[in-house]
Amino acid sequence: MNTNRQNVKKISDTHRANIQKQLTHRIEVARASGNQDLIRVLEDEMKQL
């Protein structure tokens, strides 16, 4: 049972890291295109993680 919890934690950590990477990339793209509204929304979303 402990192993199952460890696996769930690893999966959860990996999922969170992937979401952060995707958000970071989207913020970079929004900055490159000068989309300030999207930048604000994505940065707010990043803070919620």
N, C-alpha and C. Protein backbone atom coordinates (compact mmCIF):
# COMPACT_ATOMS: atom_id res chain seq x y z
N MET A 1 0.82 -1.19 0.00
CA MET A 1 0.00 0.00 0.00
C MET A 1 0.87 1.26 0.00
N ASN A 2 1.94 1.23 0.74
CA ASN A 2 2.85 2.37 0.78
C ASN A 2 3.45 2.63 -0.60
N THR A 3 3.73 1.56 -1.32
CA THR A 3 4.28 1.69 -2.67
C THR A 3 3.27 2.38 -3.58
N ASN A 4 2.00 2.05 -3.43
CA ASN A 4 0.96 2.67 -4.23
C ASN A 4 0.90 4.17 -3.96
N ARG A 5 0.99 4.56 -2.71
CA ARG A 5 0.98 5.98 -2.37
C ARG A 5 2.20 6.69 -2.95
N GLN A 6 3.33 6.02 -2.92
CA GLN A 6 4.55 6.60 -3.50
C GLN A 6 4.39 6.78 -5.00
N ASN A 7 3.77 5.81 -5.66
CA ASN A 7 3.54 5.90 -7.10
C ASN A 7 2.59 7.05 -7.42
N VAL A 8 1.54 7.20 -6.63
CA VAL A 8 0.58 8.28 -6.84
C VAL A 8 1.28 9.63 -6.66
N LYS A 9 2.14 9.73 -5.65
CA LYS A 9 2.88 10.97 -5.41
C LYS A 9 3.79 11.28 -6.59
N LYS A 10 4.50 10.28 -7.10
CA LYS A 10 5.40 10.49 -8.24
C LYS A 10 4.62 10.96 -9.46
N ILE A 11 3.49 10.31 -9.71
CA ILE A 11 2.66 10.69 -10.85
C ILE A 11 2.15 12.11 -10.69
N SER A 12 1.70 12.44 -9.50
CA SER A 12 1.20 13.78 -9.21
C SER A 12 2.30 14.83 -9.40
N ASP A 13 3.48 14.55 -8.90
CA ASP A 13 4.61 15.47 -9.05
C ASP A 13 4.98 15.65 -10.52
N THR A 14 4.99 14.56 -11.27
CA THR A 14 5.30 14.63 -12.69
C THR A 14 4.26 15.44 -13.43
N HIS A 15 3.00 15.22 -13.10
CA HIS A 15 1.90 15.95 -13.74
C HIS A 15 2.03 17.45 -13.48
N ARG A 16 2.29 17.80 -12.24
CA ARG A 16 2.44 19.22 -11.88
C ARG A 16 3.64 19.84 -12.63
N ALA A 17 4.73 19.12 -12.70
CA ALA A 17 5.92 19.62 -13.40
C ALA A 17 5.62 19.84 -14.89
N ASN A 18 4.88 18.92 -15.49
CA ASN A 18 4.51 19.07 -16.90
C ASN A 18 3.62 20.28 -17.12
N ILE A 19 2.68 20.50 -16.23
CA ILE A 19 1.80 21.67 -16.34
C ILE A 19 2.62 22.95 -16.22
N GLN A 20 3.56 22.97 -15.28
CA GLN A 20 4.40 24.16 -15.11
C GLN A 20 5.25 24.42 -16.36
N LYS A 21 5.79 23.37 -16.95
CA LYS A 21 6.59 23.53 -18.17
C LYS A 21 5.74 24.09 -19.31
N GLN A 22 4.53 23.55 -19.45
CA GLN A 22 3.64 24.03 -20.51
C GLN A 22 3.26 25.49 -20.28
N LEU A 23 2.95 25.84 -19.05
CA LEU A 23 2.60 27.23 -18.75
C LEU A 23 3.78 28.16 -19.00
N THR A 24 4.97 27.73 -18.60
CA THR A 24 6.16 28.55 -18.82
C THR A 24 6.36 28.80 -20.32
N HIS A 25 6.19 27.77 -21.11
CA HIS A 25 6.33 27.92 -22.56
C HIS A 25 5.26 28.86 -23.11
N ARG A 26 4.04 28.70 -22.67
CA ARG A 26 2.95 29.56 -23.16
C ARG A 26 3.18 31.02 -22.77
N ILE A 27 3.73 31.24 -21.57
CA ILE A 27 4.05 32.61 -21.15
C ILE A 27 5.13 33.19 -22.06
N GLU A 28 6.16 32.40 -22.36
CA GLU A 28 7.23 32.87 -23.26
C GLU A 28 6.67 33.25 -24.62
N VAL A 29 5.79 32.43 -25.15
CA VAL A 29 5.19 32.71 -26.46
C VAL A 29 4.33 33.97 -26.39
N ALA A 30 3.55 34.10 -25.32
CA ALA A 30 2.71 35.29 -25.17
C ALA A 30 3.56 36.55 -25.05
N ARG A 31 4.68 36.46 -24.33
CA ARG A 31 5.59 37.61 -24.22
C ARG A 31 6.18 37.97 -25.58
N ALA A 32 6.56 36.95 -26.34
CA ALA A 32 7.16 37.18 -27.66
C ALA A 32 6.17 37.86 -28.60
N SER A 33 4.89 37.56 -28.42
CA SER A 33 3.88 38.17 -29.30
C SER A 33 3.30 39.45 -28.70
N GLY A 34 3.70 39.76 -27.45
CA GLY A 34 3.25 41.00 -26.82
C GLY A 34 1.82 40.96 -26.33
N ASN A 35 1.29 39.77 -26.07
CA ASN A 35 -0.09 39.62 -25.63
C ASN A 35 -0.18 39.76 -24.10
N GLN A 36 -0.33 40.98 -23.63
CA GLN A 36 -0.30 41.27 -22.20
C GLN A 36 -1.47 40.62 -21.45
N ASP A 37 -2.64 40.58 -22.07
CA ASP A 37 -3.79 39.96 -21.41
C ASP A 37 -3.55 38.48 -21.16
N LEU A 38 -3.03 37.80 -22.16
CA LEU A 38 -2.75 36.37 -22.01
C LEU A 38 -1.64 36.15 -20.98
N ILE A 39 -0.65 37.00 -20.98
CA ILE A 39 0.44 36.88 -20.00
C ILE A 39 -0.12 36.95 -18.58
N ARG A 40 -1.00 37.91 -18.34
CA ARG A 40 -1.60 38.06 -17.00
C ARG A 40 -2.39 36.81 -16.61
N VAL A 41 -3.18 36.30 -17.54
CA VAL A 41 -3.99 35.12 -17.25
C VAL A 41 -3.09 33.92 -16.94
N LEU A 42 -2.07 33.72 -17.75
CA LEU A 42 -1.17 32.57 -17.55
C LEU A 42 -0.36 32.71 -16.27
N GLU A 43 0.08 33.92 -15.95
CA GLU A 43 0.82 34.12 -14.70
C GLU A 43 -0.07 33.88 -13.50
N ASP A 44 -1.33 34.29 -13.59
CA ASP A 44 -2.28 34.00 -12.51
C ASP A 44 -2.48 32.50 -12.35
N GLU A 45 -2.58 31.81 -13.47
CA GLU A 45 -2.74 30.36 -13.44
C GLU A 45 -1.51 29.70 -12.81
N MET A 46 -0.33 30.20 -13.13
CA MET A 46 0.91 29.66 -12.57
C MET A 46 0.93 29.82 -11.04
N LYS A 47 0.43 30.95 -10.56
CA LYS A 47 0.40 31.20 -9.11
C LYS A 47 -0.51 30.21 -8.38
N GLN A 48 -1.51 29.70 -9.07
CA GLN A 48 -2.45 28.76 -8.45
C GLN A 48 -1.87 27.37 -8.28
N LEU A 49 -0.77 27.10 -8.93
CA LEU A 49 -0.18 25.76 -8.82
C LEU A 49 0.49 25.53 -7.51
